[in-house]
Amino acid sequence: LALLDHPFTDNKYTSALISGMAVLGISQRCGWESALIYTPKIAAIINISRILVLYQAIKMRKERAADIQQKEHFSQKDAEEIVPAHFKFVQEIADRFITLV
Protein backbone atom coordinates (compact mmCIF):
# COMPACT_ATOMS: atom_id res chain seq x y z
CA LEU A 1 0.00 0.00 0.00
CA ALA A 2 2.96 2.32 0.41
CA LEU A 3 3.16 2.66 -3.38
CA LEU A 4 -0.42 3.93 -3.41
CA ASP A 5 0.24 6.38 -0.58
CA HIS A 6 2.03 8.89 -2.75
CA PRO A 7 0.67 12.35 -3.60
CA PHE A 8 0.55 12.96 -7.34
CA THR A 9 1.86 16.37 -8.29
CA ASP A 10 2.91 17.92 -11.60
CA ASN A 11 5.91 15.59 -11.83
CA LYS A 12 4.29 12.20 -12.42
CA TYR A 13 7.57 10.30 -12.34
CA THR A 14 8.27 10.81 -8.65
CA SER A 15 5.87 7.91 -8.08
CA ALA A 16 7.38 4.43 -8.36
CA LEU A 17 3.96 3.06 -9.31
CA ILE A 18 3.46 5.50 -12.20
CA SER A 19 7.03 4.96 -13.41
CA GLY A 20 6.59 1.20 -13.27
CA MET A 21 3.35 1.41 -15.21
CA ALA A 22 5.09 3.52 -17.85
CA VAL A 23 7.81 0.88 -18.21
CA LEU A 24 5.13 -1.79 -18.70
CA GLY A 25 4.00 0.16 -21.76
CA ILE A 26 7.31 -0.23 -23.59
CA SER A 27 7.46 -3.09 -26.07
CA GLN A 28 10.46 -5.29 -26.83
CA ARG A 29 10.65 -3.61 -30.25
CA CYS A 30 11.55 -0.26 -28.59
CA GLY A 31 8.12 1.18 -29.16
CA TRP A 32 4.89 1.38 -27.22
CA GLU A 33 2.67 -1.60 -26.52
CA SER A 34 -0.72 -1.56 -28.20
CA ALA A 35 -3.76 -0.80 -26.07
CA LEU A 36 -4.88 -4.43 -26.43
CA ILE A 37 -1.71 -5.64 -24.70
CA TYR A 38 -1.23 -2.76 -22.24
CA THR A 39 -4.80 -2.43 -20.93
CA PRO A 40 -4.96 -5.84 -19.18
CA LYS A 41 -1.71 -5.04 -17.35
CA ILE A 42 -3.12 -1.77 -16.03
CA ALA A 43 -6.42 -3.46 -15.15
CA ALA A 44 -4.52 -6.05 -13.11
CA ILE A 45 -2.65 -3.33 -11.20
CA ILE A 46 -5.90 -1.47 -10.50
CA ASN A 47 -7.69 -4.60 -9.30
CA ILE A 48 -4.82 -5.65 -7.05
CA SER A 49 -4.77 -2.11 -5.62
CA ARG A 50 -8.49 -2.37 -4.87
CA ILE A 51 -8.00 -5.71 -3.14
CA LEU A 52 -5.18 -4.23 -1.04
CA VAL A 53 -7.43 -1.32 -0.05
CA LEU A 54 -10.16 -3.74 1.03
CA TYR A 55 -7.66 -5.81 2.99
CA GLN A 56 -6.35 -2.69 4.74
CA ALA A 57 -9.90 -1.59 5.59
CA ILE A 58 -10.62 -4.97 7.18
CA LYS A 59 -7.42 -4.73 9.24
CA MET A 60 -8.21 -1.15 10.32
CA ARG A 61 -11.74 -2.09 11.41
CA LYS A 62 -10.49 -5.07 13.44
CA GLU A 63 -7.83 -2.91 15.10
CA ARG A 64 -10.37 -0.20 15.92
CA ALA A 65 -12.75 -2.79 17.42
CA ALA A 66 -9.91 -4.28 19.49
CA ASP A 67 -8.99 -0.80 20.77
CA ILE A 68 -12.58 -0.11 21.81
CA GLN A 69 -12.85 -3.53 23.40
CA GLN A 70 -9.68 -3.00 25.41
CA LYS A 71 -10.10 0.67 26.38
CA GLU A 72 -13.84 0.73 26.99
CA HIS A 73 -14.15 -2.86 28.28
CA PHE A 74 -16.83 -3.79 25.76
CA SER A 75 -17.45 -7.32 24.57
CA GLN A 76 -16.13 -8.19 21.13
CA LYS A 77 -19.64 -8.21 19.68
CA ASP A 78 -20.49 -4.80 21.15
CA ALA A 79 -17.19 -3.31 20.00
CA GLU A 80 -17.78 -4.57 16.45
CA GLU A 81 -21.24 -2.97 16.44
CA ILE A 82 -19.82 0.40 17.54
CA VAL A 83 -17.02 0.51 14.95
CA PRO A 84 -17.97 2.09 11.60
CA ALA A 85 -18.69 -0.24 8.68
CA HIS A 86 -15.97 -1.41 6.30
CA PHE A 87 -17.27 1.07 3.72
CA LYS A 88 -16.23 4.00 5.91
CA PHE A 89 -12.65 2.72 6.10
CA VAL A 90 -12.55 1.99 2.35
CA GLN A 91 -13.79 5.52 1.69
CA GLU A 92 -11.13 6.97 4.00
CA ILE A 93 -8.35 5.01 2.25
CA ALA A 94 -9.66 5.76 -1.24
CA ASP A 95 -9.80 9.48 -0.48
CA ARG A 96 -6.18 9.32 0.60
CA PHE A 97 -4.68 6.89 -1.93
CA ILE A 98 -6.79 6.86 -5.05
CA THR A 99 -7.52 10.51 -5.75
CA LEU A 100 -5.44 13.19 -7.40
CA VAL A 101 -4.30 16.15 -5.33
C-alpha atoms as a PDB file:
ATOM      1  CA  LEU A   1       0.000   0.000   0.000  1.00  0.00           C
ATOM      2  CA  ALA A   2       2.958   2.320   0.411  1.00  0.00           C
ATOM      3  CA  LEU A   3       3.163   2.665  -3.375  1.00  0.00           C
ATOM      4  CA  LEU A   4      -0.418   3.934  -3.412  1.00  0.00           C
ATOM      5  CA  ASP A   5       0.243   6.380  -0.580  1.00  0.00           C
ATOM      6  CA  HIS A   6       2.028   8.886  -2.752  1.00  0.00           C
ATOM      7  CA  PRO A   7       0.667  12.345  -3.604  1.00  0.00           C
ATOM      8  CA  PHE A   8       0.550  12.957  -7.338  1.00  0.00           C
ATOM      9  CA  THR A   9       1.858  16.366  -8.293  1.00  0.00           C
ATOM     10  CA  ASP A  10       2.906  17.922 -11.597  1.00  0.00           C
ATOM     11  CA  ASN A  11       5.910  15.586 -11.827  1.00  0.00           C
ATOM     12  CA  LYS A  12       4.289  12.196 -12.422  1.00  0.00           C
ATOM     13  CA  TYR A  13       7.572  10.304 -12.341  1.00  0.00           C
ATOM     14  CA  THR A  14       8.275  10.810  -8.645  1.00  0.00           C
ATOM     15  CA  SER A  15       5.872   7.910  -8.081  1.00  0.00           C
ATOM     16  CA  ALA A  16       7.378   4.429  -8.364  1.00  0.00           C
ATOM     17  CA  LEU A  17       3.959   3.060  -9.315  1.00  0.00           C
ATOM     18  CA  ILE A  18       3.457   5.497 -12.202  1.00  0.00           C
ATOM     19  CA  SER A  19       7.028   4.964 -13.410  1.00  0.00           C
ATOM     20  CA  GLY A  20       6.592   1.201 -13.271  1.00  0.00           C
ATOM     21  CA  MET A  21       3.347   1.413 -15.211  1.00  0.00           C
ATOM     22  CA  ALA A  22       5.087   3.519 -17.850  1.00  0.00           C
ATOM     23  CA  VAL A  23       7.810   0.881 -18.212  1.00  0.00           C
ATOM     24  CA  LEU A  24       5.134  -1.786 -18.698  1.00  0.00           C
ATOM     25  CA  GLY A  25       3.995   0.164 -21.758  1.00  0.00           C
ATOM     26  CA  ILE A  26       7.308  -0.226 -23.590  1.00  0.00           C
ATOM     27  CA  SER A  27       7.457  -3.091 -26.071  1.00  0.00           C
ATOM     28  CA  GLN A  28      10.460  -5.286 -26.834  1.00  0.00           C
ATOM     29  CA  ARG A  29      10.651  -3.613 -30.249  1.00  0.00           C
ATOM     30  CA  CYS A  30      11.550  -0.263 -28.586  1.00  0.00           C
ATOM     31  CA  GLY A  31       8.116   1.183 -29.157  1.00  0.00           C
ATOM     32  CA  TRP A  32       4.886   1.381 -27.225  1.00  0.00           C
ATOM     33  CA  GLU A  33       2.665  -1.598 -26.520  1.00  0.00           C
ATOM     34  CA  SER A  34      -0.724  -1.555 -28.205  1.00  0.00           C
ATOM     35  CA  ALA A  35      -3.760  -0.802 -26.072  1.00  0.00           C
ATOM     36  CA  LEU A  36      -4.877  -4.426 -26.427  1.00  0.00           C
ATOM     37  CA  ILE A  37      -1.711  -5.639 -24.698  1.00  0.00           C
ATOM     38  CA  TYR A  38      -1.228  -2.762 -22.236  1.00  0.00           C
ATOM     39  CA  THR A  39      -4.799  -2.426 -20.927  1.00  0.00           C
ATOM     40  CA  PRO A  40      -4.957  -5.843 -19.175  1.00  0.00           C
ATOM     41  CA  LYS A  41      -1.714  -5.041 -17.348  1.00  0.00           C
ATOM     42  CA  ILE A  42      -3.122  -1.769 -16.034  1.00  0.00           C
ATOM     43  CA  ALA A  43      -6.419  -3.463 -15.151  1.00  0.00           C
ATOM     44  CA  ALA A  44      -4.518  -6.051 -13.107  1.00  0.00           C
ATOM     45  CA  ILE A  45      -2.649  -3.334 -11.199  1.00  0.00           C
ATOM     46  CA  ILE A  46      -5.896  -1.471 -10.500  1.00  0.00           C
ATOM     47  CA  ASN A  47      -7.693  -4.602  -9.302  1.00  0.00           C
ATOM     48  CA  ILE A  48      -4.819  -5.649  -7.051  1.00  0.00           C
ATOM     49  CA  SER A  49      -4.768  -2.111  -5.619  1.00  0.00           C
ATOM     50  CA  ARG A  50      -8.486  -2.366  -4.875  1.00  0.00           C
ATOM     51  CA  ILE A  51      -8.000  -5.708  -3.142  1.00  0.00           C
ATOM     52  CA  LEU A  52      -5.180  -4.233  -1.040  1.00  0.00           C
ATOM     53  CA  VAL A  53      -7.425  -1.318  -0.053  1.00  0.00           C
ATOM     54  CA  LEU A  54     -10.164  -3.741   1.029  1.00  0.00           C
ATOM     55  CA  TYR A  55      -7.658  -5.811   2.988  1.00  0.00           C
ATOM     56  CA  GLN A  56      -6.346  -2.691   4.742  1.00  0.00           C
ATOM     57  CA  ALA A  57      -9.900  -1.589   5.589  1.00  0.00           C
ATOM     58  CA  ILE A  58     -10.621  -4.968   7.180  1.00  0.00           C
ATOM     59  CA  LYS A  59      -7.416  -4.727   9.241  1.00  0.00           C
ATOM     60  CA  MET A  60      -8.212  -1.151  10.317  1.00  0.00           C
ATOM     61  CA  ARG A  61     -11.740  -2.089  11.410  1.00  0.00           C
ATOM     62  CA  LYS A  62     -10.489  -5.070  13.437  1.00  0.00           C
ATOM     63  CA  GLU A  63      -7.832  -2.909  15.101  1.00  0.00           C
ATOM     64  CA  ARG A  64     -10.371  -0.200  15.922  1.00  0.00           C
ATOM     65  CA  ALA A  65     -12.747  -2.795  17.416  1.00  0.00           C
ATOM     66  CA  ALA A  66      -9.906  -4.278  19.490  1.00  0.00           C
ATOM     67  CA  ASP A  67      -8.993  -0.800  20.773  1.00  0.00           C
ATOM     68  CA  ILE A  68     -12.580  -0.109  21.810  1.00  0.00           C
ATOM     69  CA  GLN A  69     -12.854  -3.533  23.395  1.00  0.00           C
ATOM     70  CA  GLN A  70      -9.682  -3.000  25.411  1.00  0.00           C
ATOM     71  CA  LYS A  71     -10.095   0.665  26.383  1.00  0.00           C
ATOM     72  CA  GLU A  72     -13.841   0.730  26.990  1.00  0.00           C
ATOM     73  CA  HIS A  73     -14.147  -2.864  28.280  1.00  0.00           C
ATOM     74  CA  PHE A  74     -16.827  -3.786  25.755  1.00  0.00           C
ATOM     75  CA  SER A  75     -17.449  -7.318  24.570  1.00  0.00           C
ATOM     76  CA  GLN A  76     -16.125  -8.193  21.127  1.00  0.00           C
ATOM     77  CA  LYS A  77     -19.643  -8.210  19.681  1.00  0.00           C
ATOM     78  CA  ASP A  78     -20.494  -4.798  21.148  1.00  0.00           C
ATOM     79  CA  ALA A  79     -17.186  -3.307  19.998  1.00  0.00           C
ATOM     80  CA  GLU A  80     -17.781  -4.571  16.450  1.00  0.00           C
ATOM     81  CA  GLU A  81     -21.240  -2.969  16.443  1.00  0.00           C
ATOM     82  CA  ILE A  82     -19.822   0.396  17.538  1.00  0.00           C
ATOM     83  CA  VAL A  83     -17.025   0.514  14.951  1.00  0.00           C
ATOM     84  CA  PRO A  84     -17.968   2.089  11.602  1.00  0.00           C
ATOM     85  CA  ALA A  85     -18.691  -0.238   8.683  1.00  0.00           C
ATOM     86  CA  HIS A  86     -15.972  -1.410   6.297  1.00  0.00           C
ATOM     87  CA  PHE A  87     -17.274   1.070   3.720  1.00  0.00           C
ATOM     88  CA  LYS A  88     -16.227   4.001   5.909  1.00  0.00           C
ATOM     89  CA  PHE A  89     -12.652   2.715   6.100  1.00  0.00           C
ATOM     90  CA  VAL A  90     -12.545   1.994   2.355  1.00  0.00           C
ATOM     91  CA  GLN A  91     -13.792   5.517   1.692  1.00  0.00           C
ATOM     92  CA  GLU A  92     -11.127   6.965   3.996  1.00  0.00           C
ATOM     93  CA  ILE A  93      -8.351   5.009   2.254  1.00  0.00           C
ATOM     94  CA  ALA A  94      -9.661   5.763  -1.236  1.00  0.00           C
ATOM     95  CA  ASP A  95      -9.800   9.483  -0.475  1.00  0.00           C
ATOM     96  CA  ARG A  96      -6.182   9.319   0.603  1.00  0.00           C
ATOM     97  CA  PHE A  97      -4.683   6.890  -1.925  1.00  0.00           C
ATOM     98  CA  ILE A  98      -6.790   6.855  -5.055  1.00  0.00           C
ATOM     99  CA  THR A  99      -7.517  10.512  -5.746  1.00  0.00           C
ATOM    100  CA  LEU A 100      -5.437  13.188  -7.403  1.00  0.00           C
ATOM    101  CA  VAL A 101      -4.296  16.148  -5.327  1.00  0.00           C
END
